[in-house]
Protein backbone atom coordinates (compact mmCIF):
# COMPACT_ATOMS: atom_id res chain seq x y z
CA UNK A 1 54.65 -84.74 61.03
CA UNK A 2 57.11 -82.78 63.17
CA UNK A 3 59.07 -80.10 61.33
CA UNK A 4 62.28 -78.40 62.32
CA UNK A 5 62.92 -74.76 61.50
CA UNK A 6 66.62 -74.27 60.76
CA UNK A 7 68.55 -71.93 63.06
CA UNK A 8 69.53 -69.83 60.03
CA UNK A 9 65.84 -69.13 59.36
CA UNK A 10 65.45 -67.83 62.92
CA UNK A 11 68.55 -65.65 62.55
CA UNK A 12 67.28 -64.24 59.25
CA UNK A 13 63.83 -63.63 60.74
CA UNK A 14 65.40 -61.73 63.65
CA UNK A 15 67.56 -59.68 61.27
CA UNK A 16 64.58 -58.86 59.03
CA UNK A 17 62.35 -57.92 61.96
CA UNK A 18 65.06 -55.64 63.36
CA UNK A 19 65.56 -54.08 59.93
CA UNK A 20 61.81 -53.58 59.53
CA UNK A 21 61.62 -51.88 62.94
CA UNK A 22 64.53 -49.58 62.05
CA UNK A 23 62.89 -48.74 58.70
CA UNK A 24 59.56 -48.09 60.45
CA UNK A 25 61.31 -45.87 63.01
CA UNK A 26 63.08 -43.92 60.26
CA UNK A 27 59.83 -43.54 58.32
CA UNK A 28 58.13 -42.26 61.46
CA UNK A 29 61.00 -39.90 62.31
CA UNK A 30 61.11 -38.52 58.76
CA UNK A 31 57.34 -38.28 58.29
CA UNK A 32 56.57 -34.57 57.74
CA UNK A 33 53.71 -32.81 59.50
CA UNK A 34 51.13 -31.51 57.03
CA UNK A 35 51.96 -27.84 57.63
CA UNK A 36 55.64 -28.37 56.77
CA UNK A 37 55.34 -30.17 53.44
CA UNK A 38 56.19 -27.08 51.41
CA UNK A 39 59.05 -25.72 53.50
CA UNK A 40 62.52 -25.52 51.97
CA UNK A 41 64.53 -26.78 54.95
CA UNK A 42 63.31 -28.68 57.97
CA UNK A 43 64.90 -29.91 61.18
CA UNK A 44 64.53 -33.64 61.82
CA UNK A 45 65.54 -35.76 64.77
CA UNK A 46 66.98 -39.24 64.09
CA UNK A 47 68.47 -41.48 66.79
CA UNK A 48 68.53 -38.53 69.20
CA UNK A 49 70.45 -36.29 66.83
CA UNK A 50 68.98 -33.14 65.33
CA UNK A 51 69.71 -32.48 61.65
CA UNK A 52 68.55 -29.84 59.25
CA UNK A 53 68.00 -31.08 55.71
CA UNK A 54 66.69 -29.65 52.48
CA UNK A 55 63.23 -30.67 51.31
CA UNK A 56 64.42 -32.81 48.38
CA UNK A 57 66.91 -34.69 50.58
CA UNK A 58 64.13 -35.18 53.10
CA UNK A 59 61.88 -36.73 50.45
CA UNK A 60 64.73 -38.95 49.26
CA UNK A 61 65.33 -40.21 52.80
CA UNK A 62 61.62 -41.00 53.13
CA UNK A 63 61.79 -42.94 49.85
CA UNK A 64 64.82 -44.90 51.08
CA UNK A 65 63.20 -45.71 54.44
CA UNK A 66 59.89 -46.74 52.90
CA UNK A 67 61.64 -48.84 50.24
CA UNK A 68 63.59 -50.57 53.01
CA UNK A 69 60.37 -51.15 54.94
CA UNK A 70 58.66 -52.59 51.84
CA UNK A 71 61.63 -54.83 51.05
CA UNK A 72 61.81 -56.07 54.65
CA UNK A 73 58.07 -56.81 54.62
CA UNK A 74 58.43 -58.81 51.40
CA UNK A 75 61.40 -60.75 52.78
CA UNK A 76 59.58 -61.56 56.01
CA UNK A 77 56.58 -62.78 54.06
CA UNK A 78 58.74 -64.88 51.70
CA UNK A 79 60.80 -66.35 54.53
CA UNK A 80 57.73 -67.35 56.52
CA UNK A 81 56.16 -68.85 53.41
CA UNK A 82 59.27 -70.87 52.55
CA UNK A 83 59.73 -72.10 56.11
CA UNK A 84 56.05 -73.08 56.37
CA UNK A 85 56.55 -75.59 53.55
CA UNK A 86 59.01 -77.53 55.72
CA UNK A 87 56.04 -79.14 57.47
CA UNK A 88 54.61 -80.49 54.20
CA UNK A 89 55.31 -83.99 52.91
CA UNK A 90 58.65 -84.16 51.11
CA UNK A 91 57.17 -84.14 47.59
CA UNK A 92 55.42 -80.81 48.27
CA UNK A 93 58.24 -79.02 50.07
CA UNK A 94 59.77 -75.84 48.76
CA UNK A 95 62.56 -76.25 51.21
CA UNK A 96 64.29 -73.33 52.79
CA UNK A 97 67.86 -73.39 51.54
CA UNK A 98 70.88 -71.94 53.28
CA UNK A 99 72.09 -70.61 49.93
CA UNK A 100 69.15 -68.17 50.02
CA UNK A 101 70.57 -66.42 53.08
CA UNK A 102 72.48 -63.82 51.06
CA UNK A 103 69.30 -63.03 49.12
CA UNK A 104 67.36 -62.51 52.35
CA UNK A 105 70.09 -60.24 53.76
CA UNK A 106 70.52 -58.09 50.64
CA UNK A 107 66.96 -57.97 49.27
CA UNK A 108 65.64 -55.20 51.57
CA UNK A 109 68.60 -53.01 50.63
CA UNK A 110 68.22 -53.60 46.89
CA UNK A 111 64.51 -52.90 47.35
CA UNK A 112 65.35 -49.57 48.93
CA UNK A 113 67.64 -48.68 46.04
CA UNK A 114 65.03 -49.76 43.49
CA UNK A 115 62.48 -47.49 45.15
CA UNK A 116 64.89 -44.56 44.68
CA UNK A 117 65.31 -45.47 41.00
CA UNK A 118 61.52 -45.73 40.64
CA UNK A 119 61.17 -42.35 42.38
CA UNK A 120 63.64 -40.91 39.87
CA UNK A 121 61.53 -42.20 36.98
CA UNK A 122 58.41 -40.63 38.49
CA UNK A 123 60.06 -37.28 39.22
CA UNK A 124 61.57 -37.15 35.74
CA UNK A 125 58.17 -37.61 34.12
CA UNK A 126 59.14 -40.88 32.40
CA UNK A 127 56.49 -42.62 34.50
CA UNK A 128 53.32 -40.69 35.11
CA UNK A 129 51.86 -40.56 38.61
CA UNK A 130 49.56 -37.92 40.01
CA UNK A 131 51.85 -36.80 42.85
CA UNK A 132 51.99 -33.09 42.07
CA UNK A 133 55.07 -31.20 41.02
CA UNK A 134 57.61 -28.78 42.46
CA UNK A 135 56.73 -27.59 45.96
CA UNK A 136 53.25 -29.11 45.74
CA UNK A 137 54.48 -32.72 45.55
CA UNK A 138 52.44 -35.15 47.63
CA UNK A 139 55.06 -36.60 49.99
CA UNK A 140 52.55 -39.09 51.38
CA UNK A 141 51.84 -40.43 47.89
CA UNK A 142 55.57 -40.70 47.22
CA UNK A 143 56.05 -42.57 50.51
CA UNK A 144 53.30 -45.02 49.61
CA UNK A 145 54.70 -45.60 46.15
CA UNK A 146 58.19 -46.10 47.62
CA UNK A 147 56.89 -48.71 50.08
CA UNK A 148 55.03 -50.61 47.38
CA UNK A 149 57.98 -50.39 45.00
CA UNK A 150 60.22 -51.76 47.76
CA UNK A 151 57.81 -54.64 48.31
CA UNK A 152 57.55 -55.32 44.57
CA UNK A 153 61.15 -54.50 43.64
CA UNK A 154 61.70 -57.91 42.03
CA UNK A 155 58.89 -57.23 39.57
CA UNK A 156 60.16 -53.66 39.05
CA UNK A 157 63.61 -54.99 38.19
CA UNK A 158 62.09 -57.29 35.56
CA UNK A 159 60.02 -54.43 34.10
CA UNK A 160 63.02 -52.11 33.91
CA UNK A 161 65.08 -54.88 32.29
CA UNK A 162 62.37 -55.37 29.68
CA UNK A 163 62.20 -51.62 29.00
CA UNK A 164 65.96 -51.41 28.50
CA UNK A 165 66.12 -54.51 26.29
CA UNK A 166 63.46 -53.30 23.86
């Protein structure tokens, strides 16, 4: 059986890959060297421009970039999974729908924002994670948690909704 991948799926895949590459670049550009994790202010270079940012803003930018990377990875996986079902017999298809396009465009961004919210819960102590505190915070652990929370932001949203409704 010959299947046809809709042009919109290719456009979304291109957008998501570009977004994932930008998020990966930002994560790489923001990634702190081990000896500078405890410094108060640090120069960074993004898109050829040198900036000096405070440590907390630096961590927040890492969280945003990693959340965006996680959300893009989830979207790419979901899109490829949905498109792969187009080759199945009609009764087994979970067809790719054009109405999902807005979801695919916005999901990485909402994932990034959810990772910031999750980071806020961790830093506030409402959620316990062994990431250190104050100047001894493990930025690498925070980055990993942000990436995973971006990837799983749909489940995080449901959990937060349940917490607020009870």
